[in-house]
Amino acid sequence: MLHPSSIDFETLVKLSNDAIVLLSLGGDPAFLSPAAERLFGWNADKFADHLSDLVYMGSPNTDAELLQGILSGSADPQGPLPHADLQLRSAFGSLIWAEVSVHLLETATGEPYAFAVYFRSIAKRKDLENQLEAATQTDPLTGLFNRRAFEDSLKREWAIALRERTHTSLIKVSLDRFDALAEHLGPSAAEDCLNKVASTLQETARRPADIAARTATSEFSLLLPRTHEMGAETISAYLQVAIQDLAIPNPDNTAGNGIMTASVGAACAVAEQTGVSESSEFILAAAENCVFQARQEGGNRVKTVMNVLSR
């Protein structure tokens, strides 16, 4: 019963979850498995009309270019064959992730005559990878970005600022006498305080490029790309008042008459291609120094340094 001549291979192919497309060397589809119809959403009659734009070319990708050549009928049969995870278009209007591998079919005499393209959906795996990536970048208590994600974002935005020579603003927020609040009112009150402050920062970081993060136990950071000094000063002053207006009890905080307040430091810099300003540490140190000064002067105040340049 299991002799190769008696096995119904066509039925096995139809039962497989791997989508299989058989293409002539000229790019004409000769076979489309049922799994391919389920994956892409087009039936065999319509699939051929979408081969030319099936591959999503979002960024330079050798495997994507090789697959595009095979689907368009312009590939060299003697050339390399793609095997990679790629994004593809579908009839559903969304991009789908699939593991793609291609095999060259040859006659008994070694003459190539077709490409067999295999697509395996990896949507679940990509979802899991995205969840894991998000978990490594998010503060579990507040839902803001964590310190690692903030520093990565700062480096990325600073590189853009260097290229475009634009302003970048960075605001640091340090809660005054937070340790006393946690000690006297307990961990629940401390967590509630952090979440309320985090919400305030999140509401302030409205633009897509803005980054709000919790970068230490009672410290928050706000990165504002392409924001000039007036914007940085205005937002810093707003945050200082907004946190005080939350009216979170903190009996030992004399700077705020028994409610939670914050020491806020802000730096605004124009990225230059010379000196220490080539590093994002430059603006970070400037903002941290402002916070230190605010705390040294008793807290519940804003300190800023604007138009910082290094030449």
Protein backbone atom coordinates (compact mmCIF):
# COMPACT_ATOMS: atom_id res chain seq x y z
CA MET A 1 0.00 0.00 0.00
CA LEU A 2 2.90 2.38 0.74
CA HIS A 3 4.80 1.68 -2.45
CA PRO A 4 5.51 5.03 -4.19
CA SER A 5 3.49 4.05 -7.23
CA SER A 6 0.37 3.56 -5.10
CA ILE A 7 0.57 6.76 -2.99
CA ASP A 8 -1.81 9.59 -3.90
CA PHE A 9 0.69 12.46 -3.71
CA GLU A 10 -1.83 14.96 -5.06
CA THR A 11 -4.08 14.31 -2.07
CA LEU A 12 -1.14 14.74 0.31
CA VAL A 13 -0.34 18.09 -1.27
CA LYS A 14 -3.96 19.22 -0.95
CA LEU A 15 -4.00 18.26 2.74
CA SER A 16 -0.78 20.13 3.51
CA ASN A 17 -0.83 23.51 5.24
CA ASP A 18 2.19 24.51 3.16
CA ALA A 19 1.10 26.59 0.18
CA ILE A 20 2.66 25.34 -3.04
CA VAL A 21 2.80 27.22 -6.33
CA LEU A 22 4.24 25.66 -9.47
CA LEU A 23 5.51 28.21 -11.99
CA SER A 24 6.95 27.89 -15.45
CA LEU A 25 10.32 29.51 -16.02
CA GLY A 26 8.40 32.34 -17.65
CA GLY A 27 6.36 32.97 -14.48
CA ASP A 28 3.07 31.36 -15.54
CA PRO A 29 1.36 29.49 -12.67
CA ALA A 30 0.66 25.84 -13.52
CA PHE A 31 -0.54 24.69 -10.10
CA LEU A 32 -1.87 26.39 -6.97
CA SER A 33 -2.50 24.26 -3.89
CA PRO A 34 -5.61 24.82 -1.75
CA ALA A 35 -3.37 26.10 1.06
CA ALA A 36 -2.12 28.85 -1.26
CA GLU A 37 -5.69 29.99 -1.88
CA ARG A 38 -6.30 30.07 1.88
CA LEU A 39 -3.07 31.93 2.59
CA PHE A 40 -3.33 34.62 -0.09
CA GLY A 41 -7.09 34.81 -0.55
CA TRP A 42 -7.08 34.54 -4.36
CA ASN A 43 -8.29 31.52 -6.31
CA ALA A 44 -6.24 30.02 -9.11
CA ASP A 45 -7.88 32.22 -11.76
CA LYS A 46 -7.08 35.48 -9.96
CA PHE A 47 -3.69 34.55 -8.49
CA ALA A 48 -1.81 35.05 -11.76
CA ASP A 49 -2.99 38.67 -11.93
CA HIS A 50 -1.25 39.47 -8.64
CA LEU A 51 2.09 37.69 -9.06
CA SER A 52 3.93 40.84 -10.13
CA ASP A 53 3.16 42.67 -6.86
CA LEU A 54 3.00 39.71 -4.48
CA VAL A 55 6.35 40.45 -2.82
CA TYR A 56 6.50 43.42 -0.46
CA MET A 57 9.73 45.30 -1.20
CA GLY A 58 9.85 47.43 1.91
CA SER A 59 13.63 47.58 2.14
CA PRO A 60 16.57 46.13 0.20
CA ASN A 61 16.36 42.34 0.50
CA THR A 62 18.21 39.90 -1.74
CA ASP A 63 15.79 37.01 -1.17
CA ALA A 64 12.78 39.23 -1.86
CA GLU A 65 14.38 40.38 -5.12
CA LEU A 66 15.13 36.78 -6.13
CA LEU A 67 11.54 35.73 -5.46
CA GLN A 68 10.24 38.74 -7.38
CA GLY A 69 12.33 37.65 -10.36
CA ILE A 70 10.93 34.11 -10.21
CA LEU A 71 7.33 35.31 -9.96
CA SER A 72 7.79 37.77 -12.82
CA GLY A 73 9.45 35.18 -15.08
CA SER A 74 12.77 37.02 -15.29
CA ALA A 75 14.86 34.76 -13.02
CA ASP A 76 17.94 32.89 -14.16
CA PRO A 77 17.32 29.14 -13.60
CA GLN A 78 21.03 28.75 -12.86
CA GLY A 79 21.01 31.51 -10.27
CA PRO A 80 20.56 31.30 -6.48
CA LEU A 81 17.15 30.39 -5.07
CA PRO A 82 15.53 32.30 -2.19
CA HIS A 83 14.92 30.77 1.22
CA ALA A 84 13.86 33.35 3.79
CA ASP A 85 11.07 34.85 5.88
CA LEU A 86 9.36 37.46 3.72
CA GLN A 87 6.36 39.77 3.80
CA LEU A 88 3.82 39.22 1.03
CA ARG A 89 0.64 40.94 -0.11
CA SER A 90 -2.75 39.24 0.06
CA ALA A 91 -6.33 39.68 -1.12
CA PHE A 92 -7.24 40.54 2.48
CA GLY A 93 -5.51 43.93 2.18
CA SER A 94 -2.84 43.16 4.75
CA LEU A 95 0.74 41.95 4.59
CA ILE A 96 1.39 38.38 5.65
CA TRP A 97 4.58 36.78 6.91
CA ALA A 98 5.66 33.50 5.31
CA GLU A 99 8.71 31.29 5.21
CA VAL A 100 9.50 31.00 1.51
CA SER A 101 11.63 28.38 -0.21
CA VAL A 102 12.03 27.69 -3.91
CA HIS A 103 13.12 24.53 -5.71
CA LEU A 104 14.11 24.19 -9.36
CA LEU A 105 12.46 21.26 -11.14
CA GLU A 106 14.41 19.51 -13.88
CA THR A 107 13.67 16.87 -16.47
CA ALA A 108 15.31 13.45 -16.43
CA THR A 109 18.02 14.90 -18.68
CA GLY A 110 18.72 17.78 -16.31
CA GLU A 111 16.86 20.50 -18.18
CA PRO A 112 15.13 23.01 -15.87
CA TYR A 113 11.45 23.47 -16.63
CA ALA A 114 9.71 24.95 -13.57
CA PHE A 115 10.01 26.52 -10.13
CA ALA A 116 8.21 25.03 -7.13
CA VAL A 117 7.59 27.79 -4.59
CA TYR A 118 6.65 26.83 -1.02
CA PHE A 119 5.01 29.28 1.39
CA ARG A 120 4.58 28.46 5.08
CA SER A 121 2.65 30.93 7.24
CA ILE A 122 4.67 32.15 10.24
CA ALA A 123 2.07 34.64 11.51
CA LYS A 124 1.88 33.05 14.96
CA ARG A 125 5.64 33.00 15.32
CA LYS A 126 5.91 36.67 14.32
CA ASP A 127 3.18 37.61 16.78
CA LEU A 128 5.11 35.85 19.54
CA GLU A 129 8.36 37.54 18.51
CA ASN A 130 6.63 40.94 18.59
CA GLN A 131 5.21 40.21 22.04
CA LEU A 132 8.63 39.19 23.34
CA GLU A 133 10.22 42.28 21.81
CA ALA A 134 7.58 44.49 23.40
CA ALA A 135 8.15 42.80 26.77
CA THR A 136 11.87 43.63 26.64
CA GLN A 137 11.13 47.30 25.92
CA THR A 138 8.26 47.99 28.32
CA ASP A 139 8.22 48.86 32.00
CA PRO A 140 5.88 46.19 33.49
CA LEU A 141 4.30 48.55 36.04
CA THR A 142 3.51 51.67 34.03
CA GLY A 143 3.46 50.38 30.46
CA LEU A 144 5.89 53.10 29.38
CA PHE A 145 9.13 52.31 27.61
CA ASN A 146 11.90 51.10 29.93
CA ARG A 147 15.41 52.51 30.24
CA ARG A 148 16.88 50.23 27.57
CA ALA A 149 14.22 51.17 25.01
CA PHE A 150 14.60 54.85 25.87
CA GLU A 151 18.37 54.80 25.37
CA ASP A 152 18.00 52.95 22.07
CA SER A 153 15.43 55.52 20.92
CA LEU A 154 17.66 58.39 22.00
CA LYS A 155 20.60 57.04 19.98
CA ARG A 156 18.38 56.55 16.94
CA GLU A 157 16.78 60.00 17.12
CA TRP A 158 20.11 61.68 17.79
CA ALA A 159 21.56 60.07 14.67
CA ILE A 160 18.63 61.49 12.69
CA ALA A 161 19.16 64.90 14.28
CA LEU A 162 22.85 64.82 13.34
CA ARG A 163 21.95 64.06 9.75
CA GLU A 164 19.24 66.71 9.54
CA ARG A 165 20.85 69.19 11.98
CA THR A 166 17.60 69.63 13.88
CA HIS A 167 16.72 70.45 17.49
CA THR A 168 16.23 67.68 20.03
CA SER A 169 14.78 68.14 23.51
CA LEU A 170 15.07 65.79 26.47
CA ILE A 171 13.18 66.20 29.75
CA LYS A 172 13.95 64.30 32.96
CA VAL A 173 11.38 64.09 35.77
CA SER A 174 12.43 62.98 39.27
CA LEU A 175 9.75 62.57 41.95
CA ASP A 176 10.56 64.40 45.18
CA ARG A 177 10.79 62.29 48.37
CA PHE A 178 9.34 59.25 46.64
CA ASP A 179 11.19 56.88 48.98
CA ALA A 180 9.39 58.42 51.96
CA LEU A 181 6.03 57.90 50.27
CA ALA A 182 6.78 54.23 49.60
CA GLU A 183 8.03 53.71 53.16
CA HIS A 184 5.15 55.40 54.99
CA LEU A 185 2.16 54.69 52.72
CA GLY A 186 3.19 51.29 51.37
CA PRO A 187 3.88 49.71 47.95
CA SER A 188 0.29 50.04 46.73
CA ALA A 189 0.34 53.81 47.18
CA ALA A 190 3.76 53.99 45.53
CA GLU A 191 2.57 52.04 42.49
CA ASP A 192 -0.55 54.16 42.20
CA CYS A 193 1.61 57.29 42.27
CA LEU A 194 3.92 56.00 39.54
CA ASN A 195 1.02 55.02 37.31
CA LYS A 196 -0.64 58.43 37.63
CA VAL A 197 2.59 60.23 36.79
CA ALA A 198 3.19 57.82 33.88
CA SER A 199 -0.26 58.62 32.48
CA THR A 200 0.53 62.31 32.63
CA LEU A 201 3.73 61.82 30.65
CA GLN A 202 2.02 59.51 28.16
CA GLU A 203 -0.66 62.12 27.51
CA THR A 204 2.06 64.70 26.93
CA ALA A 205 4.02 62.56 24.44
CA ARG A 206 1.40 62.87 21.71
CA ARG A 207 3.46 62.85 18.52
CA PRO A 208 4.48 59.51 16.96
CA ALA A 209 8.19 60.17 17.50
CA ASP A 210 7.84 61.31 21.14
CA ILE A 211 9.07 58.78 23.70
CA ALA A 212 7.91 58.59 27.33
CA ALA A 213 9.82 56.19 29.56
CA ARG A 214 10.36 55.16 33.14
CA THR A 215 14.13 55.17 33.43
CA ALA A 216 14.60 54.56 37.17
CA THR A 217 12.50 53.73 40.24
CA SER A 218 11.08 57.25 40.58
CA GLU A 219 12.47 58.86 37.44
CA PHE A 220 10.84 59.42 34.06
CA SER A 221 12.22 60.68 30.78
CA LEU A 222 10.58 62.36 27.82
CA LEU A 223 12.33 62.50 24.44
CA LEU A 224 11.00 65.14 22.05
CA PRO A 225 12.65 64.99 18.62
CA ARG A 226 12.56 68.12 16.46
CA THR A 227 11.38 70.22 19.41
CA HIS A 228 12.83 73.71 19.90
CA GLU A 229 13.70 75.40 23.18
CA MET A 230 10.32 77.11 23.57
CA GLY A 231 8.53 73.77 23.31
CA ALA A 232 10.90 72.14 25.80
CA GLU A 233 10.47 74.97 28.33
CA THR A 234 6.69 74.96 27.97
CA ILE A 235 6.35 71.20 28.37
CA SER A 236 8.77 71.13 31.33
CA ALA A 237 6.78 73.79 33.16
CA TYR A 238 3.53 71.99 32.35
CA LEU A 239 4.79 68.66 33.72
CA GLN A 240 5.96 70.23 36.97
CA VAL A 241 2.54 71.78 37.55
CA ALA A 242 0.56 68.78 36.25
CA ILE A 243 2.27 66.38 38.67
CA GLN A 244 1.61 68.72 41.58
CA ASP A 245 -2.02 69.04 40.47
CA LEU A 246 -2.43 65.26 40.76
CA ALA A 247 -2.53 65.93 44.52
CA ILE A 248 -0.97 62.59 45.42
CA PRO A 249 -0.43 62.52 49.22
CA ASN A 250 3.23 62.55 50.28
CA PRO A 251 3.31 63.81 53.90
CA ASP A 252 7.11 64.01 54.16
CA ASN A 253 7.48 66.18 51.06
CA THR A 254 7.90 69.64 52.53
CA ALA A 255 8.63 71.09 49.08
CA GLY A 256 5.06 70.35 48.08
CA ASN A 257 3.21 70.93 51.34
CA GLY A 258 2.47 67.25 51.78
CA ILE A 259 1.73 66.24 48.19
CA MET A 260 3.90 64.67 45.50
CA THR A 261 5.98 67.08 43.43
CA ALA A 262 8.76 66.67 40.88
CA SER A 263 12.14 68.09 40.06
CA VAL A 264 12.25 68.62 36.30
CA GLY A 265 15.32 69.11 34.14
CA ALA A 266 15.30 69.82 30.42
CA ALA A 267 17.92 70.22 27.73
CA CYS A 268 17.51 71.33 24.15
CA ALA A 269 20.35 70.89 21.70
CA VAL A 270 21.11 71.32 18.04
CA ALA A 271 23.01 68.30 16.78
CA GLU A 272 26.34 69.12 15.17
CA GLN A 273 28.84 66.92 13.40
CA THR A 274 31.70 68.08 15.62
CA GLY A 275 32.94 67.29 19.09
CA VAL A 276 31.16 65.59 21.94
CA SER A 277 27.70 66.34 20.49
CA GLU A 278 28.19 63.43 18.09
CA SER A 279 27.12 61.25 21.03
CA SER A 280 23.61 61.19 22.49
CA GLU A 281 25.24 61.08 25.95
CA PHE A 282 25.83 64.81 25.52
CA ILE A 283 22.18 65.87 25.78
CA LEU A 284 21.40 63.15 28.34
CA ALA A 285 24.09 64.45 30.69
CA ALA A 286 22.85 68.01 30.25
CA ALA A 287 19.28 67.06 31.26
CA GLU A 288 20.47 64.98 34.22
CA ASN A 289 22.58 67.88 35.46
CA CYS A 290 19.49 70.10 35.37
CA VAL A 291 17.53 67.60 37.47
CA PHE A 292 20.39 67.46 39.97
CA GLN A 293 20.35 71.25 40.29
CA ALA A 294 16.58 71.26 40.80
CA ARG A 295 16.85 68.71 43.58
CA GLN A 296 19.76 70.53 45.19
CA GLU A 297 17.65 73.69 45.37
CA GLY A 298 14.87 71.88 47.24
CA GLY A 299 12.82 70.22 44.50
CA ASN A 300 9.45 71.12 42.99
CA ARG A 301 11.05 73.29 40.33
CA VAL A 302 12.28 73.29 36.74
CA LYS A 303 15.83 73.79 35.54
CA THR A 304 16.64 74.03 31.85
CA VAL A 305 19.59 74.49 29.55
CA MET A 306 18.67 75.58 26.05
CA ASN A 307 20.46 75.88 22.72
CA VAL A 308 23.24 73.62 23.91
CA LEU A 309 25.95 73.41 21.28
CA SER A 310 29.36 71.80 21.12
CA ARG A 311 31.73 73.20 18.55
